[in-house]
N, C-alpha and C. Protein backbone atom coordinates (compact mmCIF):
# COMPACT_ATOMS: atom_id res chain seq x y z
N MET A 1 1.72 -36.44 30.98
CA MET A 1 0.65 -35.62 31.48
C MET A 1 -0.62 -35.99 30.72
N LYS A 2 -1.72 -36.10 31.45
CA LYS A 2 -3.01 -36.42 30.86
C LYS A 2 -3.95 -35.23 31.03
N LEU A 3 -4.56 -34.82 29.93
CA LEU A 3 -5.51 -33.72 29.94
C LEU A 3 -6.83 -34.22 29.37
N ALA A 4 -7.93 -33.64 29.84
CA ALA A 4 -9.25 -33.99 29.33
C ALA A 4 -10.11 -32.75 29.32
N THR A 5 -11.20 -32.83 28.58
CA THR A 5 -12.18 -31.75 28.52
C THR A 5 -13.50 -32.27 29.06
N LEU A 6 -14.02 -31.61 30.09
CA LEU A 6 -15.32 -31.98 30.63
C LEU A 6 -16.43 -31.24 29.88
N LYS A 7 -17.61 -31.83 29.85
CA LYS A 7 -18.75 -31.24 29.13
C LYS A 7 -19.23 -29.95 29.76
N SER A 8 -18.96 -29.73 31.01
CA SER A 8 -19.41 -28.50 31.69
C SER A 8 -18.55 -27.32 31.27
N GLY A 9 -19.09 -26.12 31.44
CA GLY A 9 -18.28 -24.93 31.20
C GLY A 9 -18.48 -24.27 29.86
N GLY A 10 -19.55 -24.56 29.17
CA GLY A 10 -19.81 -23.90 27.90
C GLY A 10 -19.50 -24.79 26.71
N ARG A 11 -19.57 -24.20 25.52
CA ARG A 11 -19.40 -24.97 24.28
C ARG A 11 -18.02 -25.58 24.14
N ASP A 12 -17.01 -24.98 24.74
CA ASP A 12 -15.65 -25.50 24.63
C ASP A 12 -15.27 -26.39 25.79
N GLY A 13 -16.17 -26.61 26.73
CA GLY A 13 -15.90 -27.47 27.87
C GLY A 13 -14.94 -26.84 28.87
N THR A 14 -14.51 -27.67 29.81
CA THR A 14 -13.60 -27.25 30.87
C THR A 14 -12.38 -28.15 30.86
N LEU A 15 -11.20 -27.55 30.83
CA LEU A 15 -9.96 -28.32 30.86
C LEU A 15 -9.71 -28.87 32.25
N VAL A 16 -9.35 -30.15 32.32
CA VAL A 16 -8.92 -30.77 33.58
C VAL A 16 -7.63 -31.53 33.34
N VAL A 17 -6.83 -31.62 34.39
CA VAL A 17 -5.66 -32.48 34.40
C VAL A 17 -6.08 -33.77 35.08
N VAL A 18 -5.71 -34.91 34.51
CA VAL A 18 -6.16 -36.21 35.01
C VAL A 18 -4.95 -36.99 35.53
N SER A 19 -5.15 -37.66 36.65
CA SER A 19 -4.06 -38.45 37.24
C SER A 19 -3.68 -39.62 36.33
N ARG A 20 -2.48 -40.12 36.53
CA ARG A 20 -1.96 -41.23 35.73
C ARG A 20 -2.88 -42.44 35.76
N ASP A 21 -3.47 -42.71 36.93
CA ASP A 21 -4.33 -43.89 37.08
C ASP A 21 -5.79 -43.63 36.70
N LEU A 22 -6.09 -42.44 36.21
CA LEU A 22 -7.43 -42.04 35.76
C LEU A 22 -8.48 -42.08 36.87
N VAL A 23 -8.05 -41.86 38.10
CA VAL A 23 -8.96 -41.90 39.25
C VAL A 23 -9.38 -40.49 39.66
N THR A 24 -8.46 -39.53 39.60
CA THR A 24 -8.77 -38.17 40.02
C THR A 24 -8.45 -37.17 38.91
N CYS A 25 -9.04 -35.99 39.04
CA CYS A 25 -8.75 -34.91 38.10
C CYS A 25 -8.88 -33.59 38.84
N GLN A 26 -8.40 -32.55 38.20
CA GLN A 26 -8.52 -31.21 38.79
C GLN A 26 -8.72 -30.20 37.67
N ALA A 27 -9.77 -29.40 37.78
CA ALA A 27 -9.97 -28.29 36.84
C ALA A 27 -8.88 -27.25 37.08
N VAL A 28 -8.47 -26.60 36.00
CA VAL A 28 -7.36 -25.65 36.10
C VAL A 28 -7.71 -24.31 35.43
N PRO A 29 -8.83 -23.68 35.83
CA PRO A 29 -9.26 -22.46 35.14
C PRO A 29 -8.29 -21.29 35.28
N THR A 30 -7.47 -21.28 36.31
CA THR A 30 -6.51 -20.18 36.46
C THR A 30 -5.29 -20.37 35.56
N ILE A 31 -5.13 -21.58 35.03
CA ILE A 31 -4.02 -21.85 34.11
C ILE A 31 -4.52 -21.74 32.67
N ALA A 32 -5.56 -22.48 32.34
CA ALA A 32 -6.19 -22.44 31.01
C ALA A 32 -7.60 -22.98 31.15
N ARG A 33 -8.57 -22.24 30.64
CA ARG A 33 -9.97 -22.66 30.78
C ARG A 33 -10.30 -23.82 29.85
N THR A 34 -9.64 -23.88 28.68
CA THR A 34 -9.93 -24.91 27.69
C THR A 34 -8.64 -25.51 27.16
N LEU A 35 -8.75 -26.66 26.51
CA LEU A 35 -7.57 -27.26 25.90
C LEU A 35 -7.04 -26.37 24.78
N GLN A 36 -7.94 -25.75 24.01
CA GLN A 36 -7.48 -24.85 22.96
C GLN A 36 -6.68 -23.69 23.55
N GLY A 37 -7.14 -23.16 24.67
CA GLY A 37 -6.40 -22.09 25.34
C GLY A 37 -5.02 -22.55 25.80
N ALA A 38 -4.95 -23.77 26.30
CA ALA A 38 -3.66 -24.32 26.73
C ALA A 38 -2.73 -24.50 25.54
N LEU A 39 -3.25 -25.00 24.44
CA LEU A 39 -2.42 -25.19 23.25
C LEU A 39 -1.92 -23.86 22.69
N ASP A 40 -2.78 -22.85 22.73
CA ASP A 40 -2.40 -21.53 22.21
C ASP A 40 -1.24 -20.92 22.99
N ASP A 41 -1.14 -21.20 24.28
CA ASP A 41 -0.08 -20.64 25.14
C ASP A 41 0.76 -21.75 25.77
N TRP A 42 1.01 -22.81 25.01
CA TRP A 42 1.61 -24.02 25.56
C TRP A 42 2.92 -23.77 26.30
N ASP A 43 3.80 -22.96 25.76
CA ASP A 43 5.10 -22.74 26.41
C ASP A 43 4.96 -22.17 27.82
N GLN A 44 3.94 -21.34 28.03
CA GLN A 44 3.73 -20.74 29.35
C GLN A 44 2.96 -21.66 30.30
N VAL A 45 1.98 -22.40 29.78
CA VAL A 45 1.11 -23.17 30.68
C VAL A 45 1.57 -24.60 30.94
N ALA A 46 2.37 -25.17 30.05
CA ALA A 46 2.78 -26.57 30.21
C ALA A 46 3.45 -26.85 31.56
N PRO A 47 4.40 -26.03 32.02
CA PRO A 47 5.02 -26.32 33.32
C PRO A 47 4.01 -26.27 34.47
N ARG A 48 3.05 -25.38 34.39
CA ARG A 48 2.05 -25.28 35.46
C ARG A 48 1.09 -26.47 35.43
N LEU A 49 0.72 -26.91 34.23
CA LEU A 49 -0.12 -28.10 34.11
C LEU A 49 0.63 -29.33 34.61
N GLN A 50 1.92 -29.41 34.29
CA GLN A 50 2.74 -30.53 34.76
C GLN A 50 2.81 -30.57 36.27
N ALA A 51 2.88 -29.40 36.90
CA ALA A 51 2.92 -29.34 38.37
C ALA A 51 1.63 -29.88 38.97
N VAL A 52 0.49 -29.56 38.37
CA VAL A 52 -0.79 -30.09 38.85
C VAL A 52 -0.82 -31.60 38.65
N TYR A 53 -0.35 -32.06 37.50
CA TYR A 53 -0.30 -33.50 37.21
C TYR A 53 0.56 -34.22 38.26
N ASP A 54 1.70 -33.66 38.58
CA ASP A 54 2.57 -34.26 39.59
C ASP A 54 1.90 -34.31 40.96
N GLN A 55 1.18 -33.24 41.32
CA GLN A 55 0.46 -33.22 42.60
C GLN A 55 -0.66 -34.27 42.63
N LEU A 56 -1.38 -34.41 41.53
CA LEU A 56 -2.44 -35.43 41.47
C LEU A 56 -1.86 -36.82 41.67
N ASN A 57 -0.74 -37.10 41.02
CA ASN A 57 -0.13 -38.42 41.12
C ASN A 57 0.47 -38.68 42.50
N ALA A 58 0.88 -37.62 43.18
CA ALA A 58 1.44 -37.76 44.53
C ALA A 58 0.35 -37.78 45.59
N GLY A 59 -0.89 -37.48 45.19
CA GLY A 59 -1.99 -37.44 46.15
C GLY A 59 -2.01 -36.17 46.99
N THR A 60 -1.36 -35.12 46.51
CA THR A 60 -1.27 -33.88 47.29
C THR A 60 -2.06 -32.71 46.68
N ALA A 61 -2.83 -32.97 45.64
CA ALA A 61 -3.61 -31.91 45.01
C ALA A 61 -4.78 -31.51 45.91
N ASP A 62 -4.88 -30.23 46.22
CA ASP A 62 -5.91 -29.73 47.13
C ASP A 62 -7.32 -29.79 46.55
N GLU A 63 -7.45 -29.61 45.25
CA GLU A 63 -8.77 -29.51 44.63
C GLU A 63 -9.10 -30.71 43.75
N ALA A 64 -8.51 -31.86 44.04
CA ALA A 64 -8.77 -33.07 43.25
C ALA A 64 -10.19 -33.55 43.45
N GLU A 65 -10.76 -34.06 42.37
CA GLU A 65 -12.09 -34.67 42.44
C GLU A 65 -12.06 -35.96 41.64
N SER A 66 -13.07 -36.77 41.79
CA SER A 66 -13.13 -38.04 41.07
C SER A 66 -13.22 -37.77 39.57
N PHE A 67 -12.47 -38.54 38.80
CA PHE A 67 -12.53 -38.43 37.34
C PHE A 67 -13.61 -39.38 36.84
N ILE A 68 -14.59 -38.83 36.16
CA ILE A 68 -15.70 -39.61 35.61
C ILE A 68 -15.62 -39.51 34.09
N GLU A 69 -15.19 -40.59 33.48
CA GLU A 69 -14.96 -40.58 32.04
C GLU A 69 -16.20 -40.19 31.24
N SER A 70 -17.37 -40.59 31.70
CA SER A 70 -18.60 -40.28 30.97
C SER A 70 -18.93 -38.78 30.99
N ALA A 71 -18.28 -38.02 31.85
CA ALA A 71 -18.49 -36.57 31.90
C ALA A 71 -17.60 -35.83 30.90
N CYS A 72 -16.78 -36.57 30.17
CA CYS A 72 -15.84 -35.95 29.23
C CYS A 72 -16.49 -35.63 27.90
N HIS A 73 -16.00 -34.57 27.33
CA HIS A 73 -16.37 -34.12 25.99
C HIS A 73 -15.25 -34.57 25.06
N SER A 74 -15.38 -34.30 23.77
CA SER A 74 -14.25 -34.51 22.88
C SER A 74 -13.16 -33.53 23.30
N PRO A 75 -11.89 -33.86 23.07
CA PRO A 75 -10.81 -32.99 23.57
C PRO A 75 -10.92 -31.54 23.09
N LEU A 76 -11.22 -31.35 21.81
CA LEU A 76 -11.35 -30.01 21.23
C LEU A 76 -12.74 -29.91 20.59
N PRO A 77 -13.77 -29.61 21.36
CA PRO A 77 -15.14 -29.63 20.84
C PRO A 77 -15.37 -28.75 19.61
N ARG A 78 -14.68 -27.63 19.53
CA ARG A 78 -14.87 -26.74 18.38
C ARG A 78 -13.52 -26.41 17.76
N ALA A 79 -12.80 -27.43 17.37
CA ALA A 79 -11.48 -27.23 16.79
C ALA A 79 -11.59 -26.44 15.48
N TYR A 80 -10.61 -25.60 15.24
CA TYR A 80 -10.57 -24.81 14.03
C TYR A 80 -10.22 -25.71 12.86
N GLN A 81 -10.88 -25.47 11.72
CA GLN A 81 -10.63 -26.30 10.54
C GLN A 81 -10.85 -25.46 9.30
N TRP A 82 -10.09 -25.73 8.29
CA TRP A 82 -10.29 -25.11 6.99
C TRP A 82 -10.61 -26.22 6.02
N CYS A 83 -11.74 -26.14 5.36
CA CYS A 83 -12.16 -27.17 4.42
C CYS A 83 -12.12 -26.61 3.00
N ASP A 84 -11.51 -27.35 2.12
CA ASP A 84 -11.42 -26.96 0.72
C ASP A 84 -12.49 -27.70 -0.06
N GLY A 85 -13.40 -26.98 -0.66
CA GLY A 85 -14.47 -27.60 -1.42
C GLY A 85 -14.14 -27.77 -2.89
N SER A 86 -12.91 -27.47 -3.30
CA SER A 86 -12.57 -27.50 -4.72
C SER A 86 -12.57 -28.89 -5.32
N ALA A 87 -12.62 -29.92 -4.50
CA ALA A 87 -12.64 -31.28 -5.03
C ALA A 87 -14.04 -31.71 -5.45
N TYR A 88 -15.04 -30.90 -5.13
CA TYR A 88 -16.42 -31.25 -5.46
C TYR A 88 -16.79 -30.63 -6.81
N ILE A 89 -17.42 -31.41 -7.66
CA ILE A 89 -17.77 -30.98 -9.01
C ILE A 89 -18.59 -29.68 -8.99
N ASN A 90 -19.59 -29.59 -8.11
CA ASN A 90 -20.39 -28.37 -8.02
C ASN A 90 -19.51 -27.15 -7.81
N HIS A 91 -18.57 -27.25 -6.93
CA HIS A 91 -17.68 -26.12 -6.64
C HIS A 91 -16.82 -25.80 -7.86
N VAL A 92 -16.28 -26.82 -8.49
CA VAL A 92 -15.43 -26.61 -9.67
C VAL A 92 -16.21 -25.88 -10.75
N GLU A 93 -17.46 -26.30 -10.98
CA GLU A 93 -18.28 -25.66 -12.01
C GLU A 93 -18.60 -24.21 -11.65
N LEU A 94 -18.82 -23.94 -10.36
CA LEU A 94 -19.16 -22.58 -9.94
C LEU A 94 -17.99 -21.61 -10.08
N VAL A 95 -16.78 -22.06 -9.88
CA VAL A 95 -15.63 -21.16 -9.92
C VAL A 95 -15.04 -21.01 -11.32
N ARG A 96 -15.55 -21.74 -12.28
CA ARG A 96 -15.04 -21.61 -13.66
C ARG A 96 -15.57 -20.40 -14.34
């Protein structure tokens, strides 16, 4: 299964399922609006995303549109991260 994030749809982009040949895609807002949302509920949404992927590859997806790679955002535009600053001398001096 191929997933991508389009630049449209706000700061987190819009999740789309992309066909195997990278020719078509389909937005799936009723399944998951963003890739982060899909990952958070993966067990529930994966089978539904797979069904859309299968339809795209079979040419039977009703809402398929052309996949334009240049319209893609990074997969997780605002991924959660925890950064530890304790390796920096300034931080070490401040916490002593």
